[in-house]
Amino acid sequence: MQKCECYIHSLHKDGEDHLGEATIIRRLGDNDYLAEYRGVRCHAIFNPFVGRYFVDDVYGVIPKSQEFER
């Protein structure tokens, strides 16, 4: 697990910065990560061109019923 500054989908507004601190919990697959932002677990991807994770807390939310731990 690592906390880092990420691009957060829900913070994106026209012309505004949408960086926030999220926790990357683990890798789920090819460029698919489990992240947590403000208590919401969701999917994230890593963009190597900008060196940051993109956390999708809008469309990539993982419902509690589908959460699993390895």
PDB file of N, CA and C in Angstrom:
ATOM      1  N   MET A   1       0.853  -1.186   0.000  1.00  0.00           N
ATOM      2  CA  MET A   1       0.000   0.000   0.000  1.00  0.00           C
ATOM      3  C   MET A   1       0.889   1.236   0.000  1.00  0.00           C
ATOM      4  N   GLN A   2       0.468   2.202  -0.781  1.00  0.00           N
ATOM      5  CA  GLN A   2       1.210   3.455  -0.818  1.00  0.00           C
ATOM      6  C   GLN A   2       0.269   4.622  -1.024  1.00  0.00           C
ATOM      7  N   LYS A   3       0.503   5.692  -0.272  1.00  0.00           N
ATOM      8  CA  LYS A   3      -0.255   6.921  -0.471  1.00  0.00           C
ATOM      9  C   LYS A   3       0.515   7.765  -1.461  1.00  0.00           C
ATOM     10  N   CYS A   4      -0.220   8.389  -2.380  1.00  0.00           N
ATOM     11  CA  CYS A   4       0.450   9.230  -3.365  1.00  0.00           C
ATOM     12  C   CYS A   4      -0.536  10.261  -3.913  1.00  0.00           C
ATOM     13  N   GLU A   5       0.026  11.270  -4.547  1.00  0.00           N
ATOM     14  CA  GLU A   5      -0.787  12.284  -5.190  1.00  0.00           C
ATOM     15  C   GLU A   5      -1.236  11.741  -6.539  1.00  0.00           C
ATOM     16  N   CYS A   6      -2.534  11.724  -6.765  1.00  0.00           N
ATOM     17  CA  CYS A   6      -3.122  11.116  -7.956  1.00  0.00           C
ATOM     18  C   CYS A   6      -4.103  12.087  -8.604  1.00  0.00           C
ATOM     19  N   TYR A   7      -4.411  11.825  -9.852  1.00  0.00           N
ATOM     20  CA  TYR A   7      -5.501  12.530 -10.504  1.00  0.00           C
ATOM     21  C   TYR A   7      -6.789  11.832 -10.080  1.00  0.00           C
ATOM     22  N   ILE A   8      -7.735  12.590  -9.540  1.00  0.00           N
ATOM     23  CA  ILE A   8      -8.985  12.050  -9.022  1.00  0.00           C
ATOM     24  C   ILE A   8     -10.122  12.484  -9.937  1.00  0.00           C
ATOM     25  N   HIS A   9     -10.858  11.518 -10.462  1.00  0.00           N
ATOM     26  CA  HIS A   9     -11.917  11.797 -11.434  1.00  0.00           C
ATOM     27  C   HIS A   9     -12.963  12.776 -10.902  1.00  0.00           C
ATOM     28  N   SER A  10     -13.438  12.587  -9.670  1.00  0.00           N
ATOM     29  CA  SER A  10     -14.511  13.422  -9.139  1.00  0.00           C
ATOM     30  C   SER A  10     -14.075  14.865  -8.890  1.00  0.00           C
ATOM     31  N   LEU A  11     -12.777  15.118  -8.845  1.00  0.00           N
ATOM     32  CA  LEU A  11     -12.283  16.478  -8.616  1.00  0.00           C
ATOM     33  C   LEU A  11     -12.098  17.253  -9.909  1.00  0.00           C
ATOM     34  N   HIS A  12     -12.270  16.588 -11.051  1.00  0.00           N
ATOM     35  CA  HIS A  12     -12.035  17.235 -12.341  1.00  0.00           C
ATOM     36  C   HIS A  12     -13.123  18.249 -12.666  1.00  0.00           C
ATOM     37  N   LYS A  13     -12.714  19.492 -12.791  1.00  0.00           N
ATOM     38  CA  LYS A  13     -13.599  20.577 -13.204  1.00  0.00           C
ATOM     39  C   LYS A  13     -12.865  21.338 -14.300  1.00  0.00           C
ATOM     40  N   ASP A  14     -13.583  21.970 -15.185  1.00  0.00           N
ATOM     41  CA  ASP A  14     -12.970  22.699 -16.294  1.00  0.00           C
ATOM     42  C   ASP A  14     -11.916  23.677 -15.806  1.00  0.00           C
ATOM     43  N   GLY A  15     -10.689  23.473 -16.268  1.00  0.00           N
ATOM     44  CA  GLY A  15      -9.596  24.374 -15.974  1.00  0.00           C
ATOM     45  C   GLY A  15      -9.031  24.306 -14.567  1.00  0.00           C
ATOM     46  N   GLU A  16      -9.519  23.409 -13.729  1.00  0.00           N
ATOM     47  CA  GLU A  16      -9.028  23.309 -12.363  1.00  0.00           C
ATOM     48  C   GLU A  16      -8.176  22.059 -12.187  1.00  0.00           C
ATOM     49  N   ASP A  17      -7.260  22.146 -11.256  1.00  0.00           N
ATOM     50  CA  ASP A  17      -6.400  21.018 -10.923  1.00  0.00           C
ATOM     51  C   ASP A  17      -7.234  19.948 -10.228  1.00  0.00           C
ATOM     52  N   HIS A  18      -7.022  18.703 -10.546  1.00  0.00           N
ATOM     53  CA  HIS A  18      -7.786  17.642  -9.898  1.00  0.00           C
ATOM     54  C   HIS A  18      -6.869  16.607  -9.239  1.00  0.00           C
ATOM     55  N   LEU A  19      -5.882  17.118  -8.524  1.00  0.00           N
ATOM     56  CA  LEU A  19      -4.978  16.244  -7.783  1.00  0.00           C
ATOM     57  C   LEU A  19      -5.474  16.079  -6.357  1.00  0.00           C
ATOM     58  N   GLY A  20      -5.314  14.871  -5.842  1.00  0.00           N
ATOM     59  CA  GLY A  20      -5.672  14.571  -4.467  1.00  0.00           C
ATOM     60  C   GLY A  20      -4.870  13.375  -3.995  1.00  0.00           C
ATOM     61  N   GLU A  21      -4.873  13.154  -2.693  1.00  0.00           N
ATOM     62  CA  GLU A  21      -4.125  12.030  -2.147  1.00  0.00           C
ATOM     63  C   GLU A  21      -5.011  10.795  -2.065  1.00  0.00           C
ATOM     64  N   ALA A  22      -4.541   9.715  -2.627  1.00  0.00           N
ATOM     65  CA  ALA A  22      -5.254   8.431  -2.598  1.00  0.00           C
ATOM     66  C   ALA A  22      -4.272   7.348  -2.177  1.00  0.00           C
ATOM     67  N   THR A  23      -4.810   6.208  -1.808  1.00  0.00           N
ATOM     68  CA  THR A  23      -3.994   5.059  -1.437  1.00  0.00           C
ATOM     69  C   THR A  23      -4.126   3.997  -2.516  1.00  0.00           C
ATOM     70  N   ILE A  24      -3.000   3.583  -3.055  1.00  0.00           N
ATOM     71  CA  ILE A  24      -2.982   2.470  -4.001  1.00  0.00           C
ATOM     72  C   ILE A  24      -2.770   1.219  -3.157  1.00  0.00           C
ATOM     73  N   ILE A  25      -3.768   0.350  -3.152  1.00  0.00           N
ATOM     74  CA  ILE A  25      -3.749  -0.816  -2.257  1.00  0.00           C
ATOM     75  C   ILE A  25      -2.991  -1.979  -2.872  1.00  0.00           C
ATOM     76  N   ARG A  26      -3.332  -2.316  -4.109  1.00  0.00           N
ATOM     77  CA  ARG A  26      -2.617  -3.416  -4.764  1.00  0.00           C
ATOM     78  C   ARG A  26      -2.942  -3.434  -6.258  1.00  0.00           C
ATOM     79  N   ARG A  27      -2.148  -4.225  -6.967  1.00  0.00           N
ATOM     80  CA  ARG A  27      -2.356  -4.411  -8.402  1.00  0.00           C
ATOM     81  C   ARG A  27      -3.387  -5.516  -8.609  1.00  0.00           C
ATOM     82  N   LEU A  28      -4.354  -5.258  -9.511  1.00  0.00           N
ATOM     83  CA  LEU A  28      -5.381  -6.247  -9.815  1.00  0.00           C
ATOM     84  C   LEU A  28      -5.112  -6.964 -11.123  1.00  0.00           C
ATOM     85  N   GLY A  29      -4.485  -6.286 -12.060  1.00  0.00           N
ATOM     86  CA  GLY A  29      -4.227  -6.852 -13.381  1.00  0.00           C
ATOM     87  C   GLY A  29      -3.308  -5.940 -14.157  1.00  0.00           C
ATOM     88  N   ASP A  30      -3.290  -6.119 -15.471  1.00  0.00           N
ATOM     89  CA  ASP A  30      -2.456  -5.268 -16.320  1.00  0.00           C
ATOM     90  C   ASP A  30      -2.933  -3.830 -16.235  1.00  0.00           C
ATOM     91  N   ASN A  31      -2.144  -2.989 -15.620  1.00  0.00           N
ATOM     92  CA  ASN A  31      -2.446  -1.571 -15.415  1.00  0.00           C
ATOM     93  C   ASN A  31      -3.843  -1.360 -14.834  1.00  0.00           C
ATOM     94  N   ASP A  32      -4.195  -2.184 -13.876  1.00  0.00           N
ATOM     95  CA  ASP A  32      -5.449  -2.058 -13.133  1.00  0.00           C
ATOM     96  C   ASP A  32      -5.104  -2.201 -11.659  1.00  0.00           C
ATOM     97  N   TYR A  33      -5.404  -1.163 -10.898  1.00  0.00           N
ATOM     98  CA  TYR A  33      -5.044  -1.125  -9.488  1.00  0.00           C
ATOM     99  C   TYR A  33      -6.276  -0.886  -8.631  1.00  0.00           C
ATOM    100  N   LEU A  34      -6.236  -1.417  -7.403  1.00  0.00           N
ATOM    101  CA  LEU A  34      -7.257  -1.146  -6.411  1.00  0.00           C
ATOM    102  C   LEU A  34      -6.790   0.065  -5.630  1.00  0.00           C
ATOM    103  N   ALA A  35      -7.616   1.103  -5.615  1.00  0.00           N
ATOM    104  CA  ALA A  35      -7.269   2.338  -4.926  1.00  0.00           C
ATOM    105  C   ALA A  35      -8.372   2.690  -3.935  1.00  0.00           C
ATOM    106  N   GLU A  36      -8.026   3.551  -2.977  1.00  0.00           N
ATOM    107  CA  GLU A  36      -9.020   4.052  -2.038  1.00  0.00           C
ATOM    108  C   GLU A  36      -8.867   5.560  -1.937  1.00  0.00           C
ATOM    109  N   TYR A  37      -9.995   6.249  -2.106  1.00  0.00           N
ATOM    110  CA  TYR A  37     -10.024   7.703  -1.999  1.00  0.00           C
ATOM    111  C   TYR A  37     -11.238   8.094  -1.157  1.00  0.00           C
ATOM    112  N   ARG A  38     -10.980   8.727  -0.028  1.00  0.00           N
ATOM    113  CA  ARG A  38     -12.041   9.149   0.903  1.00  0.00           C
ATOM    114  C   ARG A  38     -12.972   8.004   1.278  1.00  0.00           C
ATOM    115  N   GLY A  39     -12.401   6.839   1.554  1.00  0.00           N
ATOM    116  CA  GLY A  39     -13.177   5.691   1.992  1.00  0.00           C
ATOM    117  C   GLY A  39     -13.865   4.908   0.885  1.00  0.00           C
ATOM    118  N   VAL A  40     -13.676   5.325  -0.366  1.00  0.00           N
ATOM    119  CA  VAL A  40     -14.295   4.644  -1.507  1.00  0.00           C
ATOM    120  C   VAL A  40     -13.230   3.832  -2.219  1.00  0.00           C
ATOM    121  N   ARG A  41     -13.486   2.536  -2.365  1.00  0.00           N
ATOM    122  CA  ARG A  41     -12.554   1.690  -3.115  1.00  0.00           C
ATOM    123  C   ARG A  41     -12.950   1.686  -4.580  1.00  0.00           C
ATOM    124  N   CYS A  42     -11.951   1.853  -5.433  1.00  0.00           N
ATOM    125  CA  CYS A  42     -12.229   1.988  -6.862  1.00  0.00           C
ATOM    126  C   CYS A  42     -11.015   1.555  -7.679  1.00  0.00           C
ATOM    127  N   HIS A  43     -11.185   1.560  -8.983  1.00  0.00           N
ATOM    128  CA  HIS A  43     -10.112   1.197  -9.899  1.00  0.00           C
ATOM    129  C   HIS A  43      -9.250   2.418 -10.197  1.00  0.00           C
ATOM    130  N   ALA A  44      -7.990   2.147 -10.505  1.00  0.00           N
ATOM    131  CA  ALA A  44      -7.059   3.190 -10.919  1.00  0.00           C
ATOM    132  C   ALA A  44      -6.146   2.614 -11.992  1.00  0.00           C
ATOM    133  N   ILE A  45      -5.605   3.487 -12.814  1.00  0.00           N
ATOM    134  CA  ILE A  45      -4.592   3.092 -13.798  1.00  0.00           C
ATOM    135  C   ILE A  45      -3.386   3.995 -13.611  1.00  0.00           C
ATOM    136  N   PHE A  46      -2.225   3.533 -14.055  1.00  0.00           N
ATOM    137  CA  PHE A  46      -1.015   4.330 -13.959  1.00  0.00           C
ATOM    138  C   PHE A  46      -0.654   4.850 -15.338  1.00  0.00           C
ATOM    139  N   ASN A  47      -0.403   6.146 -15.437  1.00  0.00           N
ATOM    140  CA  ASN A  47       0.005   6.764 -16.692  1.00  0.00           C
ATOM    141  C   ASN A  47       1.503   7.053 -16.599  1.00  0.00           C
ATOM    142  N   PRO A  48       2.335   6.286 -17.298  1.00  0.00           N
ATOM    143  CA  PRO A  48       3.782   6.476 -17.190  1.00  0.00           C
ATOM    144  C   PRO A  48       4.270   7.788 -17.817  1.00  0.00           C
ATOM    145  N   PHE A  49       3.479   8.390 -18.695  1.00  0.00           N
ATOM    146  CA  PHE A  49       3.896   9.631 -19.342  1.00  0.00           C
ATOM    147  C   PHE A  49       3.856  10.818 -18.382  1.00  0.00           C
ATOM    148  N   VAL A  50       2.938  10.786 -17.421  1.00  0.00           N
ATOM    149  CA  VAL A  50       2.875  11.863 -16.428  1.00  0.00           C
ATOM    150  C   VAL A  50       3.333  11.389 -15.047  1.00  0.00           C
ATOM    151  N   GLY A  51       3.549  10.071 -14.914  1.00  0.00           N
ATOM    152  CA  GLY A  51       4.069   9.525 -13.662  1.00  0.00           C
ATOM    153  C   GLY A  51       3.082   9.553 -12.512  1.00  0.00           C
ATOM    154  N   ARG A  52       1.785   9.452 -12.824  1.00  0.00           N
ATOM    155  CA  ARG A  52       0.760   9.484 -11.779  1.00  0.00           C
ATOM    156  C   ARG A  52      -0.327   8.444 -12.062  1.00  0.00           C
ATOM    157  N   TYR A  53      -1.019   8.098 -10.971  1.00  0.00           N
ATOM    158  CA  TYR A  53      -2.185   7.238 -11.075  1.00  0.00           C
ATOM    159  C   TYR A  53      -3.410   8.101 -11.379  1.00  0.00           C
ATOM    160  N   PHE A  54      -4.339   7.539 -12.123  1.00  0.00           N
ATOM    161  CA  PHE A  54      -5.629   8.159 -12.383  1.00  0.00           C
ATOM    162  C   PHE A  54      -6.666   7.309 -11.661  1.00  0.00           C
ATOM    163  N   VAL A  55      -7.291   7.868 -10.642  1.00  0.00           N
ATOM    164  CA  VAL A  55      -8.232   7.150  -9.792  1.00  0.00           C
ATOM    165  C   VAL A  55      -9.645   7.484 -10.246  1.00  0.00           C
ATOM    166  N   ASP A  56     -10.413   6.455 -10.613  1.00  0.00           N
ATOM    167  CA  ASP A  56     -11.772   6.656 -11.108  1.00  0.00           C
ATOM    168  C   ASP A  56     -12.784   6.378 -10.002  1.00  0.00           C
ATOM    169  N   ASP A  57     -13.058   7.404  -9.199  1.00  0.00           N
ATOM    170  CA  ASP A  57     -14.017   7.269  -8.110  1.00  0.00           C
ATOM    171  C   ASP A  57     -15.431   7.650  -8.546  1.00  0.00           C
ATOM    172  N   VAL A  58     -15.649   7.757  -9.857  1.00  0.00           N
ATOM    173  CA  VAL A  58     -16.976   8.059 -10.393  1.00  0.00           C
ATOM    174  C   VAL A  58     -17.558   6.807 -11.047  1.00  0.00           C
ATOM    175  N   TYR A  59     -16.880   6.287 -12.068  1.00  0.00           N
ATOM    176  CA  TYR A  59     -17.381   5.133 -12.811  1.00  0.00           C
ATOM    177  C   TYR A  59     -16.703   3.822 -12.403  1.00  0.00           C
ATOM    178  N   GLY A  60     -15.570   3.907 -11.718  1.00  0.00           N
ATOM    179  CA  GLY A  60     -14.815   2.703 -11.369  1.00  0.00           C
ATOM    180  C   GLY A  60     -14.970   2.252  -9.939  1.00  0.00           C
ATOM    181  N   VAL A  61     -16.040   2.668  -9.273  1.00  0.00           N
ATOM    182  CA  VAL A  61     -16.264   2.300  -7.872  1.00  0.00           C
ATOM    183  C   VAL A  61     -16.529   0.811  -7.769  1.00  0.00           C
ATOM    184  N   ILE A  62     -15.928   0.190  -6.780  1.00  0.00           N
ATOM    185  CA  ILE A  62     -16.122  -1.234  -6.517  1.00  0.00           C
ATOM    186  C   ILE A  62     -17.116  -1.354  -5.370  1.00  0.00           C
ATOM    187  N   PRO A  63     -18.324  -1.873  -5.639  1.00  0.00           N
ATOM    188  CA  PRO A  63     -19.331  -2.013  -4.581  1.00  0.00           C
ATOM    189  C   PRO A  63     -18.838  -2.936  -3.469  1.00  0.00           C
ATOM    190  N   LYS A  64     -19.305  -2.694  -2.243  1.00  0.00           N
ATOM    191  CA  LYS A  64     -18.903  -3.517  -1.106  1.00  0.00           C
ATOM    192  C   LYS A  64     -19.160  -4.997  -1.348  1.00  0.00           C
ATOM    193  N   SER A  65     -20.229  -5.323  -2.058  1.00  0.00           N
ATOM    194  CA  SER A  65     -20.555  -6.721  -2.313  1.00  0.00           C
ATOM    195  C   SER A  65     -19.557  -7.411  -3.241  1.00  0.00           C
ATOM    196  N   GLN A  66     -18.776  -6.630  -3.995  1.00  0.00           N
ATOM    197  CA  GLN A  66     -17.809  -7.212  -4.932  1.00  0.00           C
ATOM    198  C   GLN A  66     -16.368  -7.113  -4.441  1.00  0.00           C
ATOM    199  N   GLU A  67     -16.160  -6.480  -3.274  1.00  0.00           N
ATOM    200  CA  GLU A  67     -14.799  -6.360  -2.764  1.00  0.00           C
ATOM    201  C   GLU A  67     -14.276  -7.732  -2.361  1.00  0.00           C
ATOM    202  N   PHE A  68     -13.009  -7.924  -2.594  1.00  0.00           N
ATOM    203  CA  PHE A  68     -12.379  -9.172  -2.185  1.00  0.00           C
ATOM    204  C   PHE A  68     -10.932  -8.883  -1.818  1.00  0.00           C
ATOM    205  N   GLU A  69     -10.409  -9.674  -0.925  1.00  0.00           N
ATOM    206  CA  GLU A  69      -9.007  -9.552  -0.503  1.00  0.00           C
ATOM    207  C   GLU A  69      -8.292 -10.820  -0.907  1.00  0.00           C
ATOM    208  N   ARG A  70      -7.088 -10.651  -1.364  1.00  0.00           N
ATOM    209  CA  ARG A  70      -6.271 -11.823  -1.717  1.00  0.00           C
ATOM    210  C   ARG A  70      -5.393 -12.190  -0.551  1.00  0.00           C
TER     211      ARG A  70
END
